[in-house]
């Protein structure tokens, strides 16, 4: 199961308890799915005072995140990114042909 593998990797990296890793993964998932508003909900459940600055930041961050995602999903943007990648690959191939192999197995021998 991918979820169990993910938790094992996180546990090995952080060397934390299972509950901490599980809680952290739930928080990360909720932020990914719902944005910063989920953190405000968690803070509210923990009875942490949420100020106006925190609310404004959360709202602004989520709006920027959604706008960025809308831009990325536009077909023209996708075409431009694909064209840039193709151009970069062609340019890298040209460099490789002109300069030759600069490093590799056994090249220093």
PDB file of N, CA and C in Angstrom:
ATOM      1  N   UNK A   1       0.846  -1.178   0.000  1.00  0.00           N
ATOM      2  CA  UNK A   1       0.000   0.000   0.000  1.00  0.00           C
ATOM      3  C   UNK A   1       0.889   1.239   0.000  1.00  0.00           C
ATOM      4  N   UNK A   2       0.602   2.163  -0.909  1.00  0.00           N
ATOM      5  CA  UNK A   2       1.408   3.388  -1.022  1.00  0.00           C
ATOM      6  C   UNK A   2       1.355   4.232   0.236  1.00  0.00           C
ATOM      7  N   UNK A   3       0.191   4.272   0.886  1.00  0.00           N
ATOM      8  CA  UNK A   3       0.042   5.072   2.099  1.00  0.00           C
ATOM      9  C   UNK A   3       0.975   4.565   3.196  1.00  0.00           C
ATOM     10  N   UNK A   4       1.055   3.247   3.360  1.00  0.00           N
ATOM     11  CA  UNK A   4       1.936   2.681   4.385  1.00  0.00           C
ATOM     12  C   UNK A   4       3.399   2.933   4.046  1.00  0.00           C
ATOM     13  N   UNK A   5       3.761   2.854   2.768  1.00  0.00           N
ATOM     14  CA  UNK A   5       5.135   3.143   2.362  1.00  0.00           C
ATOM     15  C   UNK A   5       5.484   4.596   2.658  1.00  0.00           C
ATOM     16  N   UNK A   6       4.543   5.507   2.363  1.00  0.00           N
ATOM     17  CA  UNK A   6       4.747   6.929   2.630  1.00  0.00           C
ATOM     18  C   UNK A   6       4.993   7.162   4.116  1.00  0.00           C
ATOM     19  N   UNK A   7       4.144   6.561   4.949  1.00  0.00           N
ATOM     20  CA  UNK A   7       4.297   6.731   6.397  1.00  0.00           C
ATOM     21  C   UNK A   7       5.630   6.174   6.879  1.00  0.00           C
ATOM     22  N   UNK A   8       6.070   5.047   6.299  1.00  0.00           N
ATOM     23  CA  UNK A   8       7.342   4.457   6.707  1.00  0.00           C
ATOM     24  C   UNK A   8       8.505   5.379   6.354  1.00  0.00           C
ATOM     25  N   UNK A   9       8.463   5.970   5.167  1.00  0.00           N
ATOM     26  CA  UNK A   9       9.522   6.892   4.752  1.00  0.00           C
ATOM     27  C   UNK A   9       9.560   8.102   5.675  1.00  0.00           C
ATOM     28  N   UNK A  10       8.402   8.679   5.944  1.00  0.00           N
ATOM     29  CA  UNK A  10       8.334   9.840   6.833  1.00  0.00           C
ATOM     30  C   UNK A  10       8.845   9.471   8.220  1.00  0.00           C
ATOM     31  N   UNK A  11       8.446   8.306   8.720  1.00  0.00           N
ATOM     32  CA  UNK A  11       8.876   7.876  10.051  1.00  0.00           C
ATOM     33  C   UNK A  11      10.387   7.728  10.098  1.00  0.00           C
ATOM     34  N   UNK A  12      10.971   7.146   9.063  1.00  0.00           N
ATOM     35  CA  UNK A  12      12.421   6.959   9.041  1.00  0.00           C
ATOM     36  C   UNK A  12      13.161   8.286   8.966  1.00  0.00           C
ATOM     37  N   UNK A  13      12.616   9.231   8.217  1.00  0.00           N
ATOM     38  CA  UNK A  13      13.278  10.532   8.087  1.00  0.00           C
ATOM     39  C   UNK A  13      13.175  11.326   9.384  1.00  0.00           C
ATOM     40  N   UNK A  14      11.984  11.378   9.941  1.00  0.00           N
ATOM     41  CA  UNK A  14      11.761  12.202  11.123  1.00  0.00           C
ATOM     42  C   UNK A  14      12.114  11.506  12.421  1.00  0.00           C
ATOM     43  N   UNK A  15      12.116  10.171  12.399  1.00  0.00           N
ATOM     44  CA  UNK A  15      12.351   9.381  13.601  1.00  0.00           C
ATOM     45  C   UNK A  15      11.397   9.821  14.709  1.00  0.00           C
ATOM     46  N   UNK A  16      10.148   9.993  14.354  1.00  0.00           N
ATOM     47  CA  UNK A  16       9.123  10.438  15.293  1.00  0.00           C
ATOM     48  C   UNK A  16       8.156   9.294  15.552  1.00  0.00           C
ATOM     49  N   UNK A  17       7.282   9.513  16.502  1.00  0.00           N
ATOM     50  CA  UNK A  17       6.284   8.512  16.816  1.00  0.00           C
ATOM     51  C   UNK A  17       5.249   8.383  15.716  1.00  0.00           C
ATOM     52  N   UNK A  18       4.559   7.256  15.729  1.00  0.00           N
ATOM     53  CA  UNK A  18       3.562   6.973  14.701  1.00  0.00           C
ATOM     54  C   UNK A  18       2.453   8.014  14.724  1.00  0.00           C
ATOM     55  N   UNK A  19       2.001   8.405  15.894  1.00  0.00           N
ATOM     56  CA  UNK A  19       0.914   9.381  15.994  1.00  0.00           C
ATOM     57  C   UNK A  19       1.327  10.735  15.420  1.00  0.00           C
ATOM     58  N   UNK A  20       2.561  11.136  15.668  1.00  0.00           N
ATOM     59  CA  UNK A  20       3.040  12.416  15.153  1.00  0.00           C
ATOM     60  C   UNK A  20       3.092  12.385  13.632  1.00  0.00           C
ATOM     61  N   UNK A  21       3.632  11.297  13.084  1.00  0.00           N
ATOM     62  CA  UNK A  21       3.716  11.163  11.632  1.00  0.00           C
ATOM     63  C   UNK A  21       2.325  11.127  11.020  1.00  0.00           C
ATOM     64  N   UNK A  22       1.428  10.395  11.643  1.00  0.00           N
ATOM     65  CA  UNK A  22       0.059  10.294  11.142  1.00  0.00           C
ATOM     66  C   UNK A  22      -0.633  11.661  11.169  1.00  0.00           C
ATOM     67  N   UNK A  23      -0.470  12.378  12.271  1.00  0.00           N
ATOM     68  CA  UNK A  23      -1.074  13.708  12.391  1.00  0.00           C
ATOM     69  C   UNK A  23      -0.497  14.660  11.348  1.00  0.00           C
ATOM     70  N   UNK A  24       0.822  14.624  11.174  1.00  0.00           N
ATOM     71  CA  UNK A  24       1.464  15.492  10.181  1.00  0.00           C
ATOM     72  C   UNK A  24       0.968  15.181   8.773  1.00  0.00           C
ATOM     73  N   UNK A  25       0.813  13.904   8.463  1.00  0.00           N
ATOM     74  CA  UNK A  25       0.339  13.553   7.119  1.00  0.00           C
ATOM     75  C   UNK A  25      -1.110  13.974   6.915  1.00  0.00           C
ATOM     76  N   UNK A  26      -1.931  13.908   7.970  1.00  0.00           N
ATOM     77  CA  UNK A  26      -3.311  14.386   7.863  1.00  0.00           C
ATOM     78  C   UNK A  26      -3.351  15.894   7.614  1.00  0.00           C
ATOM     79  N   UNK A  27      -2.496  16.631   8.320  1.00  0.00           N
ATOM     80  CA  UNK A  27      -2.457  18.087   8.155  1.00  0.00           C
ATOM     81  C   UNK A  27      -2.008  18.451   6.742  1.00  0.00           C
ATOM     82  N   UNK A  28      -0.958  17.793   6.266  1.00  0.00           N
ATOM     83  CA  UNK A  28      -0.452  18.077   4.920  1.00  0.00           C
ATOM     84  C   UNK A  28      -1.510  17.762   3.868  1.00  0.00           C
ATOM     85  N   UNK A  29      -2.201  16.649   4.050  1.00  0.00           N
ATOM     86  CA  UNK A  29      -3.252  16.275   3.100  1.00  0.00           C
ATOM     87  C   UNK A  29      -4.382  17.286   3.101  1.00  0.00           C
ATOM     88  N   UNK A  30      -4.772  17.737   4.288  1.00  0.00           N
ATOM     89  CA  UNK A  30      -5.871  18.708   4.353  1.00  0.00           C
ATOM     90  C   UNK A  30      -5.466  20.047   3.746  1.00  0.00           C
ATOM     91  N   UNK A  31      -4.223  20.458   3.939  1.00  0.00           N
ATOM     92  CA  UNK A  31      -3.758  21.707   3.329  1.00  0.00           C
ATOM     93  C   UNK A  31      -3.728  21.560   1.810  1.00  0.00           C
ATOM     94  N   UNK A  32      -3.299  20.400   1.331  1.00  0.00           N
ATOM     95  CA  UNK A  32      -3.272  20.169  -0.114  1.00  0.00           C
ATOM     96  C   UNK A  32      -4.676  20.219  -0.699  1.00  0.00           C
ATOM     97  N   UNK A  33      -5.627  19.615  -0.016  1.00  0.00           N
ATOM     98  CA  UNK A  33      -6.993  19.527  -0.539  1.00  0.00           C
ATOM     99  C   UNK A  33      -7.810  20.794  -0.321  1.00  0.00           C
ATOM    100  N   UNK A  34      -7.674  21.413   0.847  1.00  0.00           N
ATOM    101  CA  UNK A  34      -8.556  22.516   1.221  1.00  0.00           C
ATOM    102  C   UNK A  34      -7.854  23.860   1.348  1.00  0.00           C
ATOM    103  N   UNK A  35      -6.538  23.873   1.325  1.00  0.00           N
ATOM    104  CA  UNK A  35      -5.808  25.119   1.451  1.00  0.00           C
ATOM    105  C   UNK A  35      -5.559  25.481   2.909  1.00  0.00           C
ATOM    106  N   UNK A  36      -5.144  26.715   3.123  1.00  0.00           N
ATOM    107  CA  UNK A  36      -4.794  27.194   4.466  1.00  0.00           C
ATOM    108  C   UNK A  36      -5.989  27.262   5.404  1.00  0.00           C
ATOM    109  N   UNK A  37      -7.167  27.287   4.858  1.00  0.00           N
ATOM    110  CA  UNK A  37      -8.364  27.343   5.691  1.00  0.00           C
ATOM    111  C   UNK A  37      -8.426  26.153   6.647  1.00  0.00           C
ATOM    112  N   UNK A  38      -7.891  25.013   6.233  1.00  0.00           N
ATOM    113  CA  UNK A  38      -7.897  23.838   7.104  1.00  0.00           C
ATOM    114  C   UNK A  38      -7.015  24.057   8.334  1.00  0.00           C
ATOM    115  N   UNK A  39      -5.924  24.806   8.178  1.00  0.00           N
ATOM    116  CA  UNK A  39      -5.070  25.103   9.334  1.00  0.00           C
ATOM    117  C   UNK A  39      -5.815  25.995  10.319  1.00  0.00           C
ATOM    118  N   UNK A  40      -6.587  26.947   9.793  1.00  0.00           N
ATOM    119  CA  UNK A  40      -7.382  27.804  10.676  1.00  0.00           C
ATOM    120  C   UNK A  40      -8.406  26.983  11.449  1.00  0.00           C
ATOM    121  N   UNK A  41      -8.996  25.997  10.790  1.00  0.00           N
ATOM    122  CA  UNK A  41      -9.951  25.121  11.479  1.00  0.00           C
ATOM    123  C   UNK A  41      -9.270  24.337  12.593  1.00  0.00           C
ATOM    124  N   UNK A  42      -8.067  23.835  12.321  1.00  0.00           N
ATOM    125  CA  UNK A  42      -7.312  23.097  13.338  1.00  0.00           C
ATOM    126  C   UNK A  42      -6.965  24.016  14.498  1.00  0.00           C
ATOM    127  N   UNK A  43      -6.527  25.235  14.188  1.00  0.00           N
ATOM    128  CA  UNK A  43      -6.202  26.194  15.246  1.00  0.00           C
ATOM    129  C   UNK A  43      -7.430  26.506  16.086  1.00  0.00           C
ATOM    130  N   UNK A  44      -8.571  26.607  15.448  1.00  0.00           N
ATOM    131  CA  UNK A  44      -9.815  26.873  16.159  1.00  0.00           C
ATOM    132  C   UNK A  44     -10.162  25.715  17.094  1.00  0.00           C
ATOM    133  N   UNK A  45      -9.979  24.476  16.619  1.00  0.00           N
ATOM    134  CA  UNK A  45     -10.246  23.308  17.465  1.00  0.00           C
ATOM    135  C   UNK A  45      -9.311  23.257  18.673  1.00  0.00           C
ATOM    136  N   UNK A  46      -8.082  23.730  18.476  1.00  0.00           N
ATOM    137  CA  UNK A  46      -7.110  23.759  19.571  1.00  0.00           C
ATOM    138  C   UNK A  46      -7.280  24.983  20.462  1.00  0.00           C
ATOM    139  N   UNK A  47      -8.311  25.782  20.168  1.00  0.00           N
ATOM    140  CA  UNK A  47      -8.639  26.991  20.917  1.00  0.00           C
ATOM    141  C   UNK A  47      -7.508  28.014  20.887  1.00  0.00           C
ATOM    142  N   UNK A  48      -6.852  28.109  19.737  1.00  0.00           N
ATOM    143  CA  UNK A  48      -5.817  29.114  19.526  1.00  0.00           C
ATOM    144  C   UNK A  48      -6.491  30.338  18.922  1.00  0.00           C
ATOM    145  N   UNK A  49      -6.206  31.498  19.481  1.00  0.00           N
ATOM    146  CA  UNK A  49      -6.803  32.735  18.989  1.00  0.00           C
ATOM    147  C   UNK A  49      -6.310  33.015  17.572  1.00  0.00           C
ATOM    148  N   UNK A  50      -7.234  33.218  16.671  1.00  0.00           N
ATOM    149  CA  UNK A  50      -6.903  33.511  15.281  1.00  0.00           C
ATOM    150  C   UNK A  50      -7.127  34.997  15.052  1.00  0.00           C
ATOM    151  N   UNK A  51      -6.049  35.691  14.715  1.00  0.00           N
ATOM    152  CA  UNK A  51      -6.147  37.126  14.500  1.00  0.00           C
ATOM    153  C   UNK A  51      -6.534  37.478  13.076  1.00  0.00           C
ATOM    154  N   UNK A  52      -6.753  38.741  12.877  1.00  0.00           N
ATOM    155  CA  UNK A  52      -7.147  39.250  11.569  1.00  0.00           C
ATOM    156  C   UNK A  52      -6.041  39.030  10.537  1.00  0.00           C
ATOM    157  N   UNK A  53      -4.789  39.226  10.954  1.00  0.00           N
ATOM    158  CA  UNK A  53      -3.663  39.023  10.044  1.00  0.00           C
ATOM    159  C   UNK A  53      -3.606  37.579   9.558  1.00  0.00           C
ATOM    160  N   UNK A  54      -3.854  36.648  10.464  1.00  0.00           N
ATOM    161  CA  UNK A  54      -3.833  35.231  10.108  1.00  0.00           C
ATOM    162  C   UNK A  54      -4.925  34.912   9.106  1.00  0.00           C
ATOM    163  N   UNK A  55      -6.107  35.432   9.342  1.00  0.00           N
ATOM    164  CA  UNK A  55      -7.213  35.197   8.412  1.00  0.00           C
ATOM    165  C   UNK A  55      -6.926  35.810   7.047  1.00  0.00           C
ATOM    166  N   UNK A  56      -6.405  37.033   7.047  1.00  0.00           N
ATOM    167  CA  UNK A  56      -6.083  37.700   5.780  1.00  0.00           C
ATOM    168  C   UNK A  56      -5.007  36.943   5.008  1.00  0.00           C
ATOM    169  N   UNK A  57      -3.972  36.494   5.727  1.00  0.00           N
ATOM    170  CA  UNK A  57      -2.907  35.736   5.076  1.00  0.00           C
ATOM    171  C   UNK A  57      -3.456  34.458   4.466  1.00  0.00           C
ATOM    172  N   UNK A  58      -4.259  33.744   5.223  1.00  0.00           N
ATOM    173  CA  UNK A  58      -4.828  32.485   4.745  1.00  0.00           C
ATOM    174  C   UNK A  58      -5.669  32.698   3.494  1.00  0.00           C
ATOM    175  N   UNK A  59      -6.493  33.707   3.522  1.00  0.00           N
ATOM    176  CA  UNK A  59      -7.359  33.990   2.377  1.00  0.00           C
ATOM    177  C   UNK A  59      -6.532  34.387   1.149  1.00  0.00           C
ATOM    178  N   UNK A  60      -5.540  35.260   1.352  1.00  0.00           N
ATOM    179  CA  UNK A  60      -4.699  35.719   0.250  1.00  0.00           C
ATOM    180  C   UNK A  60      -3.875  34.556  -0.328  1.00  0.00           C
ATOM    181  N   UNK A  61      -3.344  33.715   0.551  1.00  0.00           N
ATOM    182  CA  UNK A  61      -2.540  32.572   0.113  1.00  0.00           C
ATOM    183  C   UNK A  61      -3.373  31.608  -0.725  1.00  0.00           C
ATOM    184  N   UNK A  62      -4.585  31.320  -0.275  1.00  0.00           N
ATOM    185  CA  UNK A  62      -5.463  30.410  -1.009  1.00  0.00           C
ATOM    186  C   UNK A  62      -5.879  30.999  -2.353  1.00  0.00           C
ATOM    187  N   UNK A  63      -6.160  32.302  -2.388  1.00  0.00           N
ATOM    188  CA  UNK A  63      -6.530  32.942  -3.655  1.00  0.00           C
ATOM    189  C   UNK A  63      -5.378  32.881  -4.654  1.00  0.00           C
ATOM    190  N   UNK A  64      -4.158  33.141  -4.176  1.00  0.00           N
ATOM    191  CA  UNK A  64      -2.994  33.078  -5.055  1.00  0.00           C
ATOM    192  C   UNK A  64      -2.752  31.657  -5.543  1.00  0.00           C
ATOM    193  N   UNK A  65      -2.936  30.683  -4.657  1.00  0.00           N
ATOM    194  CA  UNK A  65      -2.738  29.279  -5.016  1.00  0.00           C
ATOM    195  C   UNK A  65      -3.727  28.863  -6.101  1.00  0.00           C
ATOM    196  N   UNK A  66      -4.992  29.254  -5.939  1.00  0.00           N
ATOM    197  CA  UNK A  66      -6.007  28.902  -6.931  1.00  0.00           C
ATOM    198  C   UNK A  66      -5.766  29.611  -8.262  1.00  0.00           C
ATOM    199  N   UNK A  67      -5.366  30.881  -8.205  1.00  0.00           N
ATOM    200  CA  UNK A  67      -5.083  31.625  -9.439  1.00  0.00           C
ATOM    201  C   UNK A  67      -3.900  31.007 -10.177  1.00  0.00           C
ATOM    202  N   UNK A  68      -2.870  30.626  -9.428  1.00  0.00           N
ATOM    203  CA  UNK A  68      -1.698  29.996 -10.036  1.00  0.00           C
ATOM    204  C   UNK A  68      -2.092  28.679 -10.712  1.00  0.00           C
ATOM    205  N   UNK A  69      -2.945  27.911 -10.051  1.00  0.00           N
ATOM    206  CA  UNK A  69      -3.369  26.638 -10.623  1.00  0.00           C
ATOM    207  C   UNK A  69      -4.234  26.840 -11.863  1.00  0.00           C
ATOM    208  N   UNK A  70      -5.069  27.867 -11.843  1.00  0.00           N
ATOM    209  CA  UNK A  70      -5.885  28.163 -13.031  1.00  0.00           C
ATOM    210  C   UNK A  70      -5.000  28.528 -14.223  1.00  0.00           C
ATOM    211  N   UNK A  71      -3.957  29.335 -13.956  1.00  0.00           N
ATOM    212  CA  UNK A  71      -3.030  29.704 -15.027  1.00  0.00           C
ATOM    213  C   UNK A  71      -2.327  28.473 -15.588  1.00  0.00           C
ATOM    214  N   UNK A  72      -1.898  27.595 -14.697  1.00  0.00           N
ATOM    215  CA  UNK A  72      -1.181  26.398 -15.135  1.00  0.00           C
ATOM    216  C   UNK A  72      -2.062  25.454 -15.931  1.00  0.00           C
ATOM    217  N   UNK A  73      -3.345  25.487 -15.676  1.00  0.00           N
ATOM    218  CA  UNK A  73      -4.236  24.554 -16.358  1.00  0.00           C
ATOM    219  C   UNK A  73      -4.696  25.056 -17.722  1.00  0.00           C
ATOM    220  N   UNK A  74      -4.396  26.296 -18.058  1.00  0.00           N
ATOM    221  CA  UNK A  74      -4.773  26.827 -19.367  1.00  0.00           C
ATOM    222  C   UNK A  74      -4.018  26.091 -20.471  1.00  0.00           C
ATOM    223  N   UNK A  75      -4.698  25.795 -21.545  1.00  0.00           N
ATOM    224  CA  UNK A  75      -4.069  25.043 -22.632  1.00  0.00           C
ATOM    225  C   UNK A  75      -2.927  25.832 -23.267  1.00  0.00           C
ATOM    226  N   UNK A  76      -3.060  27.151 -23.364  1.00  0.00           N
ATOM    227  CA  UNK A  76      -1.990  27.957 -23.953  1.00  0.00           C
ATOM    228  C   UNK A  76      -0.738  27.909 -23.084  1.00  0.00           C
ATOM    229  N   UNK A  77      -0.932  27.914 -21.779  1.00  0.00           N
ATOM    230  CA  UNK A  77       0.206  27.835 -20.872  1.00  0.00           C
ATOM    231  C   UNK A  77       0.878  26.479 -20.995  1.00  0.00           C
ATOM    232  N   UNK A  78       0.077  25.432 -21.100  1.00  0.00           N
ATOM    233  CA  UNK A  78       0.639  24.090 -21.254  1.00  0.00           C
ATOM    234  C   UNK A  78       1.433  23.987 -22.550  1.00  0.00           C
ATOM    235  N   UNK A  79       0.884  24.550 -23.620  1.00  0.00           N
ATOM    236  CA  UNK A  79       1.585  24.508 -24.906  1.00  0.00           C
ATOM    237  C   UNK A  79       2.902  25.268 -24.827  1.00  0.00           C
ATOM    238  N   UNK A  80       2.896  26.399 -24.149  1.00  0.00           N
ATOM    239  CA  UNK A  80       4.120  27.195 -24.016  1.00  0.00           C
ATOM    240  C   UNK A  80       5.167  26.435 -23.208  1.00  0.00           C
ATOM    241  N   UNK A  81       4.744  25.790 -22.113  1.00  0.00           N
ATOM    242  CA  UNK A  81       5.690  25.010 -21.309  1.00  0.00           C
ATOM    243  C   UNK A  81       6.261  23.850 -22.116  1.00  0.00           C
ATOM    244  N   UNK A  82       5.400  23.169 -22.869  1.00  0.00           N
ATOM    245  CA  UNK A  82       5.852  22.051 -23.693  1.00  0.00           C
ATOM    246  C   UNK A  82       6.837  22.534 -24.749  1.00  0.00           C
ATOM    247  N   UNK A  83       6.555  23.667 -25.363  1.00  0.00           N
ATOM    248  CA  UNK A  83       7.453  24.226 -26.376  1.00  0.00           C
ATOM    249  C   UNK A  83       8.799  24.606 -25.761  1.00  0.00           C
ATOM    250  N   UNK A  84       8.780  25.202 -24.557  1.00  0.00           N
ATOM    251  CA  UNK A  84      10.032  25.562 -23.875  1.00  0.00           C
ATOM    252  C   UNK A  84      10.852  24.321 -23.559  1.00  0.00           C
ATOM    253  N   UNK A  85      10.191  23.272 -23.084  1.00  0.00           N
ATOM    254  CA  UNK A  85      10.908  22.031 -22.768  1.00  0.00           C
ATOM    255  C   UNK A  85      11.531  21.433 -24.019  1.00  0.00           C
ATOM    256  N   UNK A  86      10.780  21.414 -25.121  1.00  0.00           N
ATOM    257  CA  UNK A  86      11.302  20.862 -26.373  1.00  0.00           C
ATOM    258  C   UNK A  86      12.493  21.682 -26.858  1.00  0.00           C
ATOM    259  N   UNK A  87      12.384  23.006 -26.777  1.00  0.00           N
ATOM    260  CA  UNK A  87      13.474  23.885 -27.190  1.00  0.00           C
ATOM    261  C   UNK A  87      14.712  23.648 -26.334  1.00  0.00           C
ATOM    262  N   UNK A  88      14.512  23.501 -25.044  1.00  0.00           N
ATOM    263  CA  UNK A  88      15.627  23.261 -24.127  1.00  0.00           C
ATOM    264  C   UNK A  88      16.302  21.922 -24.429  1.00  0.00           C
ATOM    265  N   UNK A  89      15.504  20.904 -24.740  1.00  0.00           N
ATOM    266  CA  UNK A  89      16.067  19.594 -25.069  1.00  0.00           C
ATOM    267  C   UNK A  89      16.905  19.664 -26.346  1.00  0.00           C
ATOM    268  N   UNK A  90      16.421  20.379 -27.358  1.00  0.00           N
ATOM    269  CA  UNK A  90      17.172  20.531 -28.608  1.00  0.00           C
ATOM    270  C   UNK A  90      18.476  21.275 -28.346  1.00  0.00           C
ATOM    271  N   UNK A  91      18.397  22.323 -27.542  1.00  0.00           N
ATOM    272  CA  UNK A  91      19.597  23.107 -27.222  1.00  0.00           C
ATOM    273  C   UNK A  91      20.610  22.245 -26.470  1.00  0.00           C
ATOM    274  N   UNK A  92      20.149  21.447 -25.518  1.00  0.00           N
ATOM    275  CA  UNK A  92      21.053  20.572 -24.768  1.00  0.00           C
ATOM    276  C   UNK A  92      21.697  19.533 -25.680  1.00  0.00           C
ATOM    277  N   UNK A  93      20.946  19.009 -26.642  1.00  0.00           N
ATOM    278  CA  UNK A  93      21.516  18.050 -27.584  1.00  0.00           C
ATOM    279  C   UNK A  93      22.598  18.709 -28.435  1.00  0.00           C
ATOM    280  N   UNK A  94      22.373  19.966 -28.824  1.00  0.00           N
ATOM    281  CA  UNK A  94      23.384  20.697 -29.601  1.00  0.00           C
ATOM    282  C   UNK A  94      24.655  20.886 -28.783  1.00  0.00           C
ATOM    283  N   UNK A  95      24.518  21.240 -27.517  1.00  0.00           N
ATOM    284  CA  UNK A  95      25.682  21.394 -26.643  1.00  0.00           C
ATOM    285  C   UNK A  95      26.441  20.081 -26.540  1.00  0.00           C
ATOM    286  N   UNK A  96      25.708  18.996 -26.427  1.00  0.00           N
ATOM    287  CA  UNK A  96      26.329  17.688 -26.281  1.00  0.00           C
ATOM    288  C   UNK A  96      27.118  17.331 -27.541  1.00  0.00           C
ATOM    289  N   UNK A  97      26.573  17.666 -28.716  1.00  0.00           N
ATOM    290  CA  UNK A  97      27.265  17.379 -29.974  1.00  0.00           C
ATOM    291  C   UNK A  97      28.519  18.233 -30.119  1.00  0.00           C
ATOM    292  N   UNK A  98      28.440  19.504 -29.757  1.00  0.00           N
ATOM    293  CA  UNK A  98      29.570  20.423 -29.916  1.00  0.00           C
ATOM    294  C   UNK A  98      30.668  20.114 -28.912  1.00  0.00           C
ATOM    295  N   UNK A  99      30.298  19.947 -27.636  1.00  0.00           N
ATOM    296  CA  UNK A  99      31.282  19.784 -26.574  1.00  0.00           C
ATOM    297  C   UNK A  99      31.714  18.343 -26.392  1.00  0.00           C
ATOM    298  N   UNK A 100      30.919  17.408 -26.822  1.00  0.00           N
ATOM    299  CA  UNK A 100      31.245  16.012 -26.610  1.00  0.00           C
ATOM    300  C   UNK A 100      30.893  15.603 -25.195  1.00  0.00           C
ATOM    301  N   UNK A 101      31.260  14.403 -24.874  1.00  0.00           N
ATOM    302  CA  UNK A 101      30.953  13.865 -23.554  1.00  0.00           C
ATOM    303  C   UNK A 101      31.928  14.456 -22.545  1.00  0.00           C
ATOM    304  N   UNK A 102      31.419  15.198 -21.563  1.00  0.00           N
ATOM    305  CA  UNK A 102      32.280  15.862 -20.590  1.00  0.00           C
ATOM    306  C   UNK A 102      32.573  14.996 -19.385  1.00  0.00           C
ATOM    307  N   UNK A 103      31.687  14.054 -19.096  1.00  0.00           N
ATOM    308  CA  UNK A 103      31.914  13.167 -17.969  1.00  0.00           C
ATOM    309  C   UNK A 103      31.186  11.862 -18.234  1.00  0.00           C
ATOM    310  N   UNK A 104      31.683  10.836 -17.609  1.00  0.00           N
ATOM    311  CA  UNK A 104      31.061   9.525 -17.760  1.00  0.00           C
ATOM    312  C   UNK A 104      31.961   8.475 -17.150  1.00  0.00           C
ATOM    313  N   UNK A 105      31.499   7.260 -17.189  1.00  0.00           N
ATOM    314  CA  UNK A 105      32.263   6.163 -16.596  1.00  0.00           C
ATOM    315  C   UNK A 105      33.537   5.937 -17.401  1.00  0.00           C
ATOM    316  N   UNK A 106      34.683   5.908 -16.725  1.00  0.00           N
ATOM    317  CA  UNK A 106      35.956   5.602 -17.362  1.00  0.00           C
ATOM    318  C   UNK A 106      36.551   6.724 -18.183  1.00  0.00           C
ATOM    319  N   UNK A 107      35.997   7.908 -18.128  1.00  0.00           N
ATOM    320  CA  UNK A 107      36.496   9.012 -18.953  1.00  0.00           C
ATOM    321  C   UNK A 107      37.830   9.553 -18.429  1.00  0.00           C
ATOM    322  N   UNK A 108      38.100   9.399 -17.138  1.00  0.00           N
ATOM    323  CA  UNK A 108      39.333   9.925 -16.555  1.00  0.00           C
ATOM    324  C   UNK A 108      40.493   8.952 -16.698  1.00  0.00           C
ATOM    325  N   UNK A 109      40.226   7.751 -17.179  1.00  0.00           N
ATOM    326  CA  UNK A 109      41.292   6.744 -17.285  1.00  0.00           C
ATOM    327  C   UNK A 109      42.261   7.037 -18.388  1.00  0.00           C
TER     328      UNK A 109
END
